[in-house]
Amino acid sequence: MNEKIEITRGYRVMVDDNFHYMDESYRECAGTFQNYEDALAVAKNITLESVVENESDTAEETFKNYKGFGSDPFIQPFGGAARPEENYSAWTTAEMLAQLIEVERG
């Protein structure tokens, strides 16, 4: 028997679509988590997958593609959950990942 646990306090990973910038009708929920670390891991994974999907010849082109077409996850505390000291930035992470991919390619 599968019991569904309702989380009343925690973190939601919400995902915007960069192609539809500022259009919340394209926003999706990628999951709800009791702790920030789990939410952060999911947000980072979504960003990584999106950067890889938008990979191009250079880090600059990859990041440009990501900003135009990628997934933009962010973390939303709810139910009185503590706000993190620093908000997760998918764009900052994507830019760093694009540079790492270019370095790895050599």
Protein backbone atom coordinates (compact mmCIF):
# COMPACT_ATOMS: atom_id res chain seq x y z
CA MET A 1 0.00 0.00 0.00
CA ASN A 2 1.51 3.33 -1.10
CA GLU A 3 0.85 6.15 1.31
CA LYS A 4 1.30 9.61 -0.10
CA ILE A 5 3.02 11.90 2.38
CA GLU A 6 1.85 15.48 2.22
CA ILE A 7 4.65 17.95 2.79
CA THR A 8 3.35 21.03 4.58
CA ARG A 9 6.68 22.80 5.01
CA GLY A 10 9.60 22.62 2.64
CA TYR A 11 10.81 23.63 -0.79
CA ARG A 12 9.31 23.48 -4.27
CA VAL A 13 11.45 23.33 -7.37
CA MET A 14 9.66 25.42 -9.96
CA VAL A 15 10.82 25.49 -13.57
CA ASP A 16 10.35 28.35 -16.00
CA ASP A 17 10.88 28.03 -19.73
CA ASN A 18 13.46 30.56 -20.98
CA PHE A 19 11.83 30.50 -24.43
CA HIS A 20 8.66 31.87 -22.81
CA TYR A 21 10.41 34.37 -20.53
CA MET A 22 8.08 36.02 -18.00
CA ASP A 23 5.13 33.82 -19.04
CA GLU A 24 4.11 31.96 -15.88
CA SER A 25 1.64 29.82 -17.82
CA TYR A 26 4.66 27.73 -18.91
CA ARG A 27 5.87 27.28 -15.31
CA GLU A 28 5.94 23.73 -13.94
CA CYS A 29 6.62 22.17 -10.55
CA ALA A 30 9.46 19.62 -10.64
CA GLY A 31 8.88 18.44 -7.09
CA THR A 32 8.32 19.25 -3.45
CA PHE A 33 10.98 18.47 -0.86
CA GLN A 34 11.29 18.58 2.92
CA ASN A 35 14.84 19.91 2.84
CA TYR A 36 16.68 22.48 0.79
CA GLU A 37 19.55 20.16 -0.15
CA ASP A 38 17.23 17.77 -2.00
CA ALA A 39 15.54 20.65 -3.81
CA LEU A 40 18.93 22.10 -4.74
CA ALA A 41 20.14 18.78 -6.16
CA VAL A 42 17.06 18.53 -8.39
CA ALA A 43 17.40 22.15 -9.55
CA LYS A 44 21.07 21.64 -10.41
CA ASN A 45 20.31 18.43 -12.32
CA ILE A 46 17.59 20.16 -14.36
CA THR A 47 20.05 22.94 -15.19
CA LEU A 48 22.77 20.47 -16.21
CA GLU A 49 20.41 18.51 -18.48
CA SER A 50 19.23 21.74 -20.07
CA VAL A 51 22.75 23.02 -20.71
CA VAL A 52 23.74 19.70 -22.31
CA GLU A 53 20.61 19.80 -24.50
CA ASN A 54 21.63 23.29 -25.67
CA GLU A 55 25.33 22.56 -26.14
CA SER A 56 27.07 24.33 -29.00
CA ASP A 57 30.63 24.90 -30.26
CA THR A 58 31.67 27.40 -27.59
CA ALA A 59 30.74 28.13 -23.99
CA GLU A 60 29.37 31.50 -25.08
CA GLU A 61 27.11 29.91 -27.70
CA THR A 62 26.00 27.18 -25.30
CA PHE A 63 25.06 29.74 -22.65
CA LYS A 64 23.29 31.89 -25.24
CA ASN A 65 21.27 28.84 -26.37
CA TYR A 66 20.46 28.01 -22.75
CA LYS A 67 19.21 31.55 -22.08
CA GLY A 68 17.00 31.36 -25.15
CA PHE A 69 15.65 27.83 -24.92
CA GLY A 70 16.65 26.18 -21.63
CA SER A 71 14.84 25.29 -18.43
CA ASP A 72 15.22 27.80 -15.60
CA PRO A 73 14.61 26.09 -12.22
CA PHE A 74 14.29 28.02 -8.99
CA ILE A 75 13.54 27.03 -5.42
CA GLN A 76 10.52 28.33 -3.55
CA PRO A 77 10.25 27.84 0.23
CA PHE A 78 6.73 27.28 1.56
CA GLY A 79 4.95 26.64 4.84
CA GLY A 80 7.42 28.67 6.86
CA ALA A 81 10.54 26.86 5.64
CA ALA A 82 13.71 28.86 6.13
CA ARG A 83 14.95 30.86 3.17
CA PRO A 84 18.45 29.81 2.10
CA GLU A 85 21.29 32.26 2.72
CA GLU A 86 21.88 32.44 -1.03
CA ASN A 87 19.24 31.85 -3.70
CA TYR A 88 20.03 29.28 -6.36
CA SER A 89 20.66 30.84 -9.77
CA ALA A 90 20.20 28.51 -12.73
CA TRP A 91 21.71 31.09 -15.07
CA THR A 92 24.91 31.36 -13.00
CA THR A 93 25.13 27.57 -12.83
CA ALA A 94 24.43 27.23 -16.57
CA GLU A 95 27.17 29.71 -17.45
CA MET A 96 29.67 27.81 -15.30
CA LEU A 97 28.59 24.45 -16.76
CA ALA A 98 28.91 25.78 -20.32
CA GLN A 99 32.49 26.80 -19.55
CA LEU A 100 33.28 23.42 -17.99
CA ILE A 101 31.89 21.57 -21.00
CA GLU A 102 34.10 23.64 -23.32
CA VAL A 103 37.19 22.95 -21.18
CA GLU A 104 36.42 19.21 -21.06
CA ARG A 105 36.15 19.10 -24.85
CA GLY A 106 39.59 20.65 -25.05
